[in-house]
C-alpha atoms as a PDB file:
ATOM      1  CA  UNK A   1     -47.269  52.987  14.904  1.00  0.00           C
ATOM      2  CA  UNK A   2     -47.213  49.435  13.679  1.00  0.00           C
ATOM      3  CA  UNK A   3     -45.366  49.145  10.538  1.00  0.00           C
ATOM      4  CA  UNK A   4     -46.851  46.735   7.969  1.00  0.00           C
ATOM      5  CA  UNK A   5     -45.060  44.715   5.627  1.00  0.00           C
ATOM      6  CA  UNK A   6     -46.685  44.486   2.152  1.00  0.00           C
ATOM      7  CA  UNK A   7     -45.977  41.500  -0.133  1.00  0.00           C
ATOM      8  CA  UNK A   8     -43.827  42.321  -3.025  1.00  0.00           C
ATOM      9  CA  UNK A   9     -44.591  39.584  -5.157  1.00  0.00           C
ATOM     10  CA  UNK A  10     -48.188  39.737  -5.730  1.00  0.00           C
ATOM     11  CA  UNK A  11     -48.340  38.228  -9.164  1.00  0.00           C
ATOM     12  CA  UNK A  12     -49.649  37.963 -11.707  1.00  0.00           C
ATOM     13  CA  UNK A  13     -48.096  34.565 -12.789  1.00  0.00           C
ATOM     14  CA  UNK A  14     -46.197  34.665 -15.920  1.00  0.00           C
ATOM     15  CA  UNK A  15     -47.285  31.288 -17.314  1.00  0.00           C
ATOM     16  CA  UNK A  16     -50.922  31.200 -16.115  1.00  0.00           C
ATOM     17  CA  UNK A  17     -51.748  34.742 -15.722  1.00  0.00           C
ATOM     18  CA  UNK A  18     -53.479  34.313 -12.543  1.00  0.00           C
ATOM     19  CA  UNK A  19     -53.540  36.992  -9.840  1.00  0.00           C
ATOM     20  CA  UNK A  20     -55.251  35.652  -6.426  1.00  0.00           C
ATOM     21  CA  UNK A  21     -55.029  38.027  -3.461  1.00  0.00           C
ATOM     22  CA  UNK A  22     -53.321  35.972  -0.447  1.00  0.00           C
ATOM     23  CA  UNK A  23     -51.675  33.363  -3.120  1.00  0.00           C
ATOM     24  CA  UNK A  24     -47.789  32.941  -2.924  1.00  0.00           C
ATOM     25  CA  UNK A  25     -45.787  34.074  -5.644  1.00  0.00           C
ATOM     26  CA  UNK A  26     -42.040  33.889  -6.283  1.00  0.00           C
ATOM     27  CA  UNK A  27     -40.048  36.105  -8.418  1.00  0.00           C
ATOM     28  CA  UNK A  28     -37.429  34.753 -11.076  1.00  0.00           C
ATOM     29  CA  UNK A  29     -34.252  35.839  -9.754  1.00  0.00           C
ATOM     30  CA  UNK A  30     -30.882  35.396 -11.852  1.00  0.00           C
ATOM     31  CA  UNK A  31     -30.364  31.909 -10.148  1.00  0.00           C
ATOM     32  CA  UNK A  32     -34.055  30.735 -10.344  1.00  0.00           C
ATOM     33  CA  UNK A  33     -34.377  31.876 -13.876  1.00  0.00           C
ATOM     34  CA  UNK A  34     -31.302  30.040 -15.132  1.00  0.00           C
ATOM     35  CA  UNK A  35     -33.159  27.139 -13.504  1.00  0.00           C
ATOM     36  CA  UNK A  36     -36.577  27.626 -14.736  1.00  0.00           C
ATOM     37  CA  UNK A  37     -35.428  27.966 -18.389  1.00  0.00           C
ATOM     38  CA  UNK A  38     -33.855  24.590 -18.289  1.00  0.00           C
ATOM     39  CA  UNK A  39     -36.458  23.002 -17.067  1.00  0.00           C
ATOM     40  CA  UNK A  40     -38.717  20.072 -19.050  1.00  0.00           C
ATOM     41  CA  UNK A  41     -41.793  22.419 -18.600  1.00  0.00           C
ATOM     42  CA  UNK A  42     -39.791  25.451 -20.136  1.00  0.00           C
ATOM     43  CA  UNK A  43     -39.468  23.730 -23.566  1.00  0.00           C
ATOM     44  CA  UNK A  44     -43.445  23.333 -23.964  1.00  0.00           C
ATOM     45  CA  UNK A  45     -43.959  27.164 -23.813  1.00  0.00           C
ATOM     46  CA  UNK A  46     -45.051  28.977 -26.728  1.00  0.00           C
ATOM     47  CA  UNK A  47     -43.126  32.076 -25.231  1.00  0.00           C
ATOM     48  CA  UNK A  48     -40.117  32.778 -23.336  1.00  0.00           C
ATOM     49  CA  UNK A  49     -39.681  33.571 -19.730  1.00  0.00           C
ATOM     50  CA  UNK A  50     -37.847  36.618 -18.512  1.00  0.00           C
ATOM     51  CA  UNK A  51     -35.824  37.507 -15.714  1.00  0.00           C
ATOM     52  CA  UNK A  52     -37.864  38.811 -12.529  1.00  0.00           C
ATOM     53  CA  UNK A  53     -41.099  37.301 -14.044  1.00  0.00           C
ATOM     54  CA  UNK A  54     -43.464  36.033 -11.199  1.00  0.00           C
ATOM     55  CA  UNK A  55     -44.763  31.986 -10.957  1.00  0.00           C
ATOM     56  CA  UNK A  56     -47.681  30.912  -8.943  1.00  0.00           C
ATOM     57  CA  UNK A  57     -46.685  28.039  -6.328  1.00  0.00           C
ATOM     58  CA  UNK A  58     -48.102  25.351  -8.869  1.00  0.00           C
ATOM     59  CA  UNK A  59     -45.547  26.916 -11.814  1.00  0.00           C
ATOM     60  CA  UNK A  60     -42.628  27.383  -9.599  1.00  0.00           C
ATOM     61  CA  UNK A  61     -42.954  23.922  -8.497  1.00  0.00           C
ATOM     62  CA  UNK A  62     -43.094  22.832 -12.061  1.00  0.00           C
ATOM     63  CA  UNK A  63     -40.131  25.080 -13.669  1.00  0.00           C
ATOM     64  CA  UNK A  64     -37.831  25.634 -10.434  1.00  0.00           C
ATOM     65  CA  UNK A  65     -37.997  22.782  -8.593  1.00  0.00           C
ATOM     66  CA  UNK A  66     -39.055  20.149 -10.663  1.00  0.00           C
ATOM     67  CA  UNK A  67     -36.189  17.878 -10.057  1.00  0.00           C
ATOM     68  CA  UNK A  68     -36.697  17.905  -6.062  1.00  0.00           C
ATOM     69  CA  UNK A  69     -38.896  14.626  -6.212  1.00  0.00           C
ATOM     70  CA  UNK A  70     -36.312  13.144  -8.804  1.00  0.00           C
ATOM     71  CA  UNK A  71     -33.638  13.769  -6.559  1.00  0.00           C
ATOM     72  CA  UNK A  72     -35.331  12.309  -3.688  1.00  0.00           C
ATOM     73  CA  UNK A  73     -35.740   9.183  -5.509  1.00  0.00           C
ATOM     74  CA  UNK A  74     -32.363   8.979  -6.692  1.00  0.00           C
ATOM     75  CA  UNK A  75     -31.207   9.421  -3.167  1.00  0.00           C
ATOM     76  CA  UNK A  76     -33.437   6.638  -1.760  1.00  0.00           C
ATOM     77  CA  UNK A  77     -32.417   4.247  -4.585  1.00  0.00           C
ATOM     78  CA  UNK A  78     -28.652   5.017  -3.801  1.00  0.00           C
ATOM     79  CA  UNK A  79     -29.483   4.649  -0.106  1.00  0.00           C
ATOM     80  CA  UNK A  80     -31.240   1.199  -0.672  1.00  0.00           C
ATOM     81  CA  UNK A  81     -28.322   0.241  -2.883  1.00  0.00           C
ATOM     82  CA  UNK A  82     -25.744   1.001  -0.398  1.00  0.00           C
ATOM     83  CA  UNK A  83     -27.294  -0.953   2.003  1.00  0.00           C
ATOM     84  CA  UNK A  84     -26.284  -3.985  -0.134  1.00  0.00           C
ATOM     85  CA  UNK A  85     -22.834  -3.056  -0.386  1.00  0.00           C
ATOM     86  CA  UNK A  86     -22.220  -1.142   2.930  1.00  0.00           C
ATOM     87  CA  UNK A  87     -23.667  -3.084   5.690  1.00  0.00           C
ATOM     88  CA  UNK A  88     -24.170  -1.563   9.093  1.00  0.00           C
ATOM     89  CA  UNK A  89     -20.970  -0.291  10.867  1.00  0.00           C
ATOM     90  CA  UNK A  90     -19.016  -0.583   7.425  1.00  0.00           C
ATOM     91  CA  UNK A  91     -17.330   2.791   6.481  1.00  0.00           C
ATOM     92  CA  UNK A  92     -18.619   4.037   3.061  1.00  0.00           C
ATOM     93  CA  UNK A  93     -15.973   5.135   0.524  1.00  0.00           C
ATOM     94  CA  UNK A  94     -17.489   7.403  -2.311  1.00  0.00           C
ATOM     95  CA  UNK A  95     -15.504   7.540  -5.922  1.00  0.00           C
ATOM     96  CA  UNK A  96     -15.476  10.084  -8.678  1.00  0.00           C
ATOM     97  CA  UNK A  97     -16.410   8.906 -12.072  1.00  0.00           C
ATOM     98  CA  UNK A  98     -12.915   9.306 -12.944  1.00  0.00           C
ATOM     99  CA  UNK A  99     -11.761   7.472  -9.930  1.00  0.00           C
ATOM    100  CA  UNK A 100     -13.994   4.836 -10.729  1.00  0.00           C
ATOM    101  CA  UNK A 101     -13.211   4.362 -14.219  1.00  0.00           C
ATOM    102  CA  UNK A 102      -9.508   3.961 -13.357  1.00  0.00           C
ATOM    103  CA  UNK A 103     -10.383   1.272 -10.619  1.00  0.00           C
ATOM    104  CA  UNK A 104     -12.400  -0.649 -13.257  1.00  0.00           C
ATOM    105  CA  UNK A 105      -9.324  -0.264 -15.853  1.00  0.00           C
ATOM    106  CA  UNK A 106      -6.982  -1.525 -13.022  1.00  0.00           C
ATOM    107  CA  UNK A 107      -9.458  -4.499 -12.298  1.00  0.00           C
ATOM    108  CA  UNK A 108      -9.456  -5.403 -16.086  1.00  0.00           C
ATOM    109  CA  UNK A 109      -5.689  -5.236 -16.309  1.00  0.00           C
ATOM    110  CA  UNK A 110      -5.154  -7.417 -13.309  1.00  0.00           C
ATOM    111  CA  UNK A 111      -7.602  -9.904 -14.783  1.00  0.00           C
ATOM    112  CA  UNK A 112      -5.312 -10.020 -18.191  1.00  0.00           C
ATOM    113  CA  UNK A 113      -2.339 -10.430 -16.211  1.00  0.00           C
ATOM    114  CA  UNK A 114      -3.967 -13.300 -14.149  1.00  0.00           C
ATOM    115  CA  UNK A 115      -5.017 -15.055 -17.366  1.00  0.00           C
ATOM    116  CA  UNK A 116      -1.414 -14.455 -18.587  1.00  0.00           C
ATOM    117  CA  UNK A 117      -0.027 -15.912 -15.601  1.00  0.00           C
ATOM    118  CA  UNK A 118      -2.448 -19.178 -15.785  1.00  0.00           C
ATOM    119  CA  UNK A 119      -1.684 -19.707 -19.313  1.00  0.00           C
ATOM    120  CA  UNK A 120       2.230 -19.527 -18.342  1.00  0.00           C
ATOM    121  CA  UNK A 121       1.534 -21.971 -15.425  1.00  0.00           C
ATOM    122  CA  UNK A 122      -0.344 -24.238 -17.724  1.00  0.00           C
ATOM    123  CA  UNK A 123       2.341 -24.118 -20.591  1.00  0.00           C
ATOM    124  CA  UNK A 124       5.167 -24.661 -17.640  1.00  0.00           C
ATOM    125  CA  UNK A 125       3.158 -27.859 -16.316  1.00  0.00           C
ATOM    126  CA  UNK A 126       2.971 -29.357 -19.741  1.00  0.00           C
ATOM    127  CA  UNK A 127       6.850 -28.691 -20.286  1.00  0.00           C
ATOM    128  CA  UNK A 128       7.519 -30.144 -16.747  1.00  0.00           C
ATOM    129  CA  UNK A 129       5.124 -33.148 -17.706  1.00  0.00           C
ATOM    130  CA  UNK A 130       6.774 -33.702 -20.850  1.00  0.00           C
ATOM    131  CA  UNK A 131      10.347 -33.640 -19.544  1.00  0.00           C
ATOM    132  CA  UNK A 132       9.832 -35.855 -16.602  1.00  0.00           C
ATOM    133  CA  UNK A 133       8.145 -38.268 -19.191  1.00  0.00           C
ATOM    134  CA  UNK A 134      11.063 -38.133 -21.304  1.00  0.00           C
ATOM    135  CA  UNK A 135      13.549 -38.872 -18.853  1.00  0.00           C
ATOM    136  CA  UNK A 136      11.448 -41.822 -17.197  1.00  0.00           C
ATOM    137  CA  UNK A 137      11.490 -43.582 -20.929  1.00  0.00           C
ATOM    138  CA  UNK A 138      15.223 -42.909 -20.957  1.00  0.00           C
ATOM    139  CA  UNK A 139      15.557 -44.755 -17.835  1.00  0.00           C
ATOM    140  CA  UNK A 140      13.356 -47.620 -18.354  1.00  0.00           C
ATOM    141  CA  UNK A 141      15.221 -48.366 -21.534  1.00  0.00           C
ATOM    142  CA  UNK A 142      18.396 -48.046 -19.974  1.00  0.00           C
ATOM    143  CA  UNK A 143      17.923 -50.490 -17.226  1.00  0.00           C
ATOM    144  CA  UNK A 144      15.758 -52.787 -19.223  1.00  0.00           C
ATOM    145  CA  UNK A 145      18.956 -53.597 -21.092  1.00  0.00           C
ATOM    146  CA  UNK A 146      20.729 -54.319 -17.903  1.00  0.00           C
ATOM    147  CA  UNK A 147      23.001 -51.331 -18.056  1.00  0.00           C
ATOM    148  CA  UNK A 148      24.805 -50.468 -14.640  1.00  0.00           C
ATOM    149  CA  UNK A 149      23.610 -47.746 -12.602  1.00  0.00           C
ATOM    150  CA  UNK A 150      24.848 -44.040 -12.889  1.00  0.00           C
ATOM    151  CA  UNK A 151      25.918 -42.466  -9.486  1.00  0.00           C
ATOM    152  CA  UNK A 152      27.723 -39.548 -10.504  1.00  0.00           C
ATOM    153  CA  UNK A 153      25.218 -36.520 -11.432  1.00  0.00           C
ATOM    154  CA  UNK A 154      27.586 -35.196 -14.196  1.00  0.00           C
ATOM    155  CA  UNK A 155      27.505 -38.885 -15.890  1.00  0.00           C
ATOM    156  CA  UNK A 156      23.501 -38.972 -15.400  1.00  0.00           C
ATOM    157  CA  UNK A 157      23.105 -35.590 -17.216  1.00  0.00           C
ATOM    158  CA  UNK A 158      25.159 -36.645 -20.021  1.00  0.00           C
ATOM    159  CA  UNK A 159      23.156 -40.014 -20.081  1.00  0.00           C
ATOM    160  CA  UNK A 160      19.866 -38.237 -20.484  1.00  0.00           C
ATOM    161  CA  UNK A 161      21.115 -35.637 -22.679  1.00  0.00           C
ATOM    162  CA  UNK A 162      22.458 -38.288 -25.074  1.00  0.00           C
ATOM    163  CA  UNK A 163      19.595 -40.298 -25.328  1.00  0.00           C
ATOM    164  CA  UNK A 164      17.072 -37.479 -26.092  1.00  0.00           C
ATOM    165  CA  UNK A 165      18.157 -33.954 -27.169  1.00  0.00           C
ATOM    166  CA  UNK A 166      14.790 -32.659 -26.074  1.00  0.00           C
ATOM    167  CA  UNK A 167      15.741 -32.797 -22.595  1.00  0.00           C
ATOM    168  CA  UNK A 168      19.090 -30.758 -22.767  1.00  0.00           C
ATOM    169  CA  UNK A 169      19.292 -28.375 -20.218  1.00  0.00           C
ATOM    170  CA  UNK A 170      16.280 -29.580 -17.990  1.00  0.00           C
ATOM    171  CA  UNK A 171      18.643 -31.116 -15.391  1.00  0.00           C
ATOM    172  CA  UNK A 172      20.517 -27.998 -15.148  1.00  0.00           C
ATOM    173  CA  UNK A 173      17.056 -26.097 -15.099  1.00  0.00           C
ATOM    174  CA  UNK A 174      16.068 -27.937 -11.598  1.00  0.00           C
ATOM    175  CA  UNK A 175      19.648 -27.448 -10.320  1.00  0.00           C
ATOM    176  CA  UNK A 176      19.714 -23.861 -10.852  1.00  0.00           C
ATOM    177  CA  UNK A 177      16.086 -23.439  -9.136  1.00  0.00           C
ATOM    178  CA  UNK A 178      18.488 -24.534  -5.933  1.00  0.00           C
ATOM    179  CA  UNK A 179      20.239 -21.366  -5.760  1.00  0.00           C
ATOM    180  CA  UNK A 180      23.728 -22.962  -6.236  1.00  0.00           C
ATOM    181  CA  UNK A 181      25.406 -19.694  -6.546  1.00  0.00           C
ATOM    182  CA  UNK A 182      24.887 -19.082  -2.737  1.00  0.00           C
ATOM    183  CA  UNK A 183      26.733 -22.297  -1.857  1.00  0.00           C
ATOM    184  CA  UNK A 184      30.438 -23.418  -2.012  1.00  0.00           C
ATOM    185  CA  UNK A 185      31.696 -25.939  -4.492  1.00  0.00           C
ATOM    186  CA  UNK A 186      31.331 -28.933  -2.127  1.00  0.00           C
ATOM    187  CA  UNK A 187      27.844 -28.089  -1.511  1.00  0.00           C
ATOM    188  CA  UNK A 188      26.914 -27.666  -4.984  1.00  0.00           C
ATOM    189  CA  UNK A 189      28.398 -31.040  -5.937  1.00  0.00           C
ATOM    190  CA  UNK A 190      26.109 -32.505  -3.272  1.00  0.00           C
ATOM    191  CA  UNK A 191      23.289 -30.751  -4.522  1.00  0.00           C
ATOM    192  CA  UNK A 192      23.627 -32.045  -8.023  1.00  0.00           C
ATOM    193  CA  UNK A 193      23.430 -35.468  -6.403  1.00  0.00           C
ATOM    194  CA  UNK A 194      20.338 -34.684  -4.834  1.00  0.00           C
ATOM    195  CA  UNK A 195      18.982 -33.614  -8.268  1.00  0.00           C
ATOM    196  CA  UNK A 196      19.907 -36.814  -9.697  1.00  0.00           C
ATOM    197  CA  UNK A 197      18.286 -38.555  -6.913  1.00  0.00           C
ATOM    198  CA  UNK A 198      15.103 -36.561  -7.222  1.00  0.00           C
ATOM    199  CA  UNK A 199      15.038 -37.545 -11.075  1.00  0.00           C
ATOM    200  CA  UNK A 200      15.129 -41.255 -10.187  1.00  0.00           C
ATOM    201  CA  UNK A 201      12.589 -41.055  -7.779  1.00  0.00           C
ATOM    202  CA  UNK A 202       9.900 -38.769  -9.855  1.00  0.00           C
ATOM    203  CA  UNK A 203      10.623 -41.514 -12.678  1.00  0.00           C
ATOM    204  CA  UNK A 204      10.002 -44.439 -10.377  1.00  0.00           C
ATOM    205  CA  UNK A 205       6.741 -42.684  -9.121  1.00  0.00           C
ATOM    206  CA  UNK A 206       5.741 -41.900 -12.830  1.00  0.00           C
ATOM    207  CA  UNK A 207       6.006 -45.447 -13.651  1.00  0.00           C
ATOM    208  CA  UNK A 208       6.903 -48.364 -11.134  1.00  0.00           C
ATOM    209  CA  UNK A 209       8.332 -50.510 -14.118  1.00  0.00           C
ATOM    210  CA  UNK A 210      11.204 -48.464 -13.710  1.00  0.00           C
ATOM    211  CA  UNK A 211      12.178 -50.513 -10.526  1.00  0.00           C
ATOM    212  CA  UNK A 212      15.862 -49.880 -11.274  1.00  0.00           C
ATOM    213  CA  UNK A 213      15.375 -46.366  -9.944  1.00  0.00           C
ATOM    214  CA  UNK A 214      14.871 -47.414  -6.330  1.00  0.00           C
ATOM    215  CA  UNK A 215      17.878 -49.773  -6.617  1.00  0.00           C
ATOM    216  CA  UNK A 216      20.240 -47.104  -7.923  1.00  0.00           C
ATOM    217  CA  UNK A 217      19.103 -45.074  -5.008  1.00  0.00           C
ATOM    218  CA  UNK A 218      19.872 -47.753  -2.482  1.00  0.00           C
ATOM    219  CA  UNK A 219      23.411 -48.270  -3.970  1.00  0.00           C
ATOM    220  CA  UNK A 220      23.913 -44.569  -3.774  1.00  0.00           C
ATOM    221  CA  UNK A 221      23.274 -44.590  -0.182  1.00  0.00           C
ATOM    222  CA  UNK A 222      25.439 -47.496   0.372  1.00  0.00           C
ATOM    223  CA  UNK A 223      28.311 -45.696  -1.551  1.00  0.00           C
ATOM    224  CA  UNK A 224      27.618 -42.635   0.818  1.00  0.00           C
ATOM    225  CA  UNK A 225      27.824 -44.546   3.844  1.00  0.00           C
ATOM    226  CA  UNK A 226      24.347 -44.823   4.889  1.00  0.00           C
ATOM    227  CA  UNK A 227      23.522 -47.182   7.496  1.00  0.00           C
ATOM    228  CA  UNK A 228      21.117 -50.282   7.361  1.00  0.00           C
ATOM    229  CA  UNK A 229      18.652 -48.826   9.577  1.00  0.00           C
ATOM    230  CA  UNK A 230      18.543 -45.712   7.242  1.00  0.00           C
ATOM    231  CA  UNK A 231      18.150 -47.315   4.159  1.00  0.00           C
ATOM    232  CA  UNK A 232      15.431 -49.603   5.370  1.00  0.00           C
ATOM    233  CA  UNK A 233      13.698 -46.668   7.010  1.00  0.00           C
ATOM    234  CA  UNK A 234      13.899 -44.967   3.349  1.00  0.00           C
ATOM    235  CA  UNK A 235      12.775 -48.392   1.865  1.00  0.00           C
ATOM    236  CA  UNK A 236       9.639 -48.467   3.699  1.00  0.00           C
ATOM    237  CA  UNK A 237       9.084 -45.152   2.465  1.00  0.00           C
ATOM    238  CA  UNK A 238       9.040 -46.115  -1.064  1.00  0.00           C
ATOM    239  CA  UNK A 239      12.113 -44.120  -1.745  1.00  0.00           C
ATOM    240  CA  UNK A 240      14.669 -47.149  -2.294  1.00  0.00           C
ATOM    241  CA  UNK A 241      14.944 -50.812  -1.877  1.00  0.00           C
ATOM    242  CA  UNK A 242      15.785 -52.804   1.120  1.00  0.00           C
ATOM    243  CA  UNK A 243      19.312 -53.359   2.550  1.00  0.00           C
ATOM    244  CA  UNK A 244      19.068 -57.073   1.760  1.00  0.00           C
ATOM    245  CA  UNK A 245      17.683 -56.221  -1.817  1.00  0.00           C
ATOM    246  CA  UNK A 246      20.597 -54.272  -2.388  1.00  0.00           C
ATOM    247  CA  UNK A 247      23.060 -56.451  -0.891  1.00  0.00           C
ATOM    248  CA  UNK A 248      22.089 -59.433  -3.246  1.00  0.00           C
ATOM    249  CA  UNK A 249      22.283 -56.922  -6.180  1.00  0.00           C
ATOM    250  CA  UNK A 250      25.862 -55.976  -5.254  1.00  0.00           C
ATOM    251  CA  UNK A 251      26.631 -59.577  -4.648  1.00  0.00           C
ATOM    252  CA  UNK A 252      25.236 -60.442  -8.044  1.00  0.00           C
ATOM    253  CA  UNK A 253      27.084 -57.607  -9.404  1.00  0.00           C
ATOM    254  CA  UNK A 254      30.296 -58.630  -7.885  1.00  0.00           C
ATOM    255  CA  UNK A 255      29.880 -62.483  -9.223  1.00  0.00           C
ATOM    256  CA  UNK A 256      29.116 -61.161 -12.635  1.00  0.00           C
ATOM    257  CA  UNK A 257      32.220 -59.320 -12.497  1.00  0.00           C
ATOM    258  CA  UNK A 258      34.488 -61.923 -11.440  1.00  0.00           C
ATOM    259  CA  UNK A 259      32.923 -63.996 -14.373  1.00  0.00           C
ATOM    260  CA  UNK A 260      33.596 -61.310 -16.751  1.00  0.00           C
ATOM    261  CA  UNK A 261      37.252 -61.081 -15.460  1.00  0.00           C
ATOM    262  CA  UNK A 262      37.799 -64.937 -15.807  1.00  0.00           C
ATOM    263  CA  UNK A 263      36.381 -65.027 -19.355  1.00  0.00           C
ATOM    264  CA  UNK A 264      38.268 -62.295 -20.535  1.00  0.00           C
ATOM    265  CA  UNK A 265      41.515 -64.065 -19.098  1.00  0.00           C
ATOM    266  CA  UNK A 266      40.362 -66.997 -20.637  1.00  0.00           C
ATOM    267  CA  UNK A 267      40.004 -65.493 -24.278  1.00  0.00           C
ATOM    268  CA  UNK A 268      43.404 -63.726 -23.967  1.00  0.00           C
ATOM    269  CA  UNK A 269      45.247 -66.970 -22.803  1.00  0.00           C
ATOM    270  CA  UNK A 270      43.660 -69.124 -25.334  1.00  0.00           C
END
C-alpha cells in the first residue's frame, strides 16, 4: 500500500484570496508572522494578518522575504567596497559600530595631539631663533667695541645675560639639555665651555659680520693646547680663524698691552 502525502497548506491566500490547485502556499508560523507584519507591504494593508494565515508565493515574497534582494545588493556593495580597501591576500578586519566609533575618536584625539605638538614646535622654533638673534646682536656690539674675548663659560653667560635680560636662562637651558647630571665636575665644566663655543659658532653662522667669534674660538683652542694642524683644519671647516690670523691677533694684543703698561707707568711717574 502506497502512502500519499497531502499538502497541508492549500490556501487560500490571506491577502489576495486566491486558492489555486497545485500552487504553493506558505503558512505564517510565529517567526514568519513576526517578520511579515514588519514588512513595508504590511503597512499598506487595510486589515491585519493573523498567525497561521497562508500566503501565496507572490505575497510570501512581498511580506516575508522582501529584504532578500536588498540584502544581496548590500552584500555586493560591501564586497565591491572591500575590494578597494582589502586587496587580494590581505586580511579583512571587521569592527562593530562601537569599536569603529572608538577608533574614530582615538584618531581625532591623535590629530588634536599632533596639532598641539606642531604648535609647540613652532613656538619653540620662534623662541630659539629669537634667543640666538639676541646673543648674535650682543656679540656683534661687544666685538665692535674692541672688547677682549671671553674664554670662560661662566663669564660668557654673565656677559650675555647682563647685556639682555631676555636671554637669561637660555645658556643654562642648552647646558642642561646635555645631561650634565650624569657627568663628573670636570666634564661638566668642559661641557660648559663647549656650549660657549656653540653659541659663538651659531652667532657667526647667523651673522658673518660677527667675525670676532671665529677668532675667539681659535684663541680658545690655542689656550687649550690645540696644534697648528688642528686649528688650520678647523679653519678650513669655517669653525675658527687660521693659525696665522690668530698668531697676528695675539701679537697685536701683546703689543697693545705693552703700550698700555708703558702709558700707565708714564702717567704714574709723571
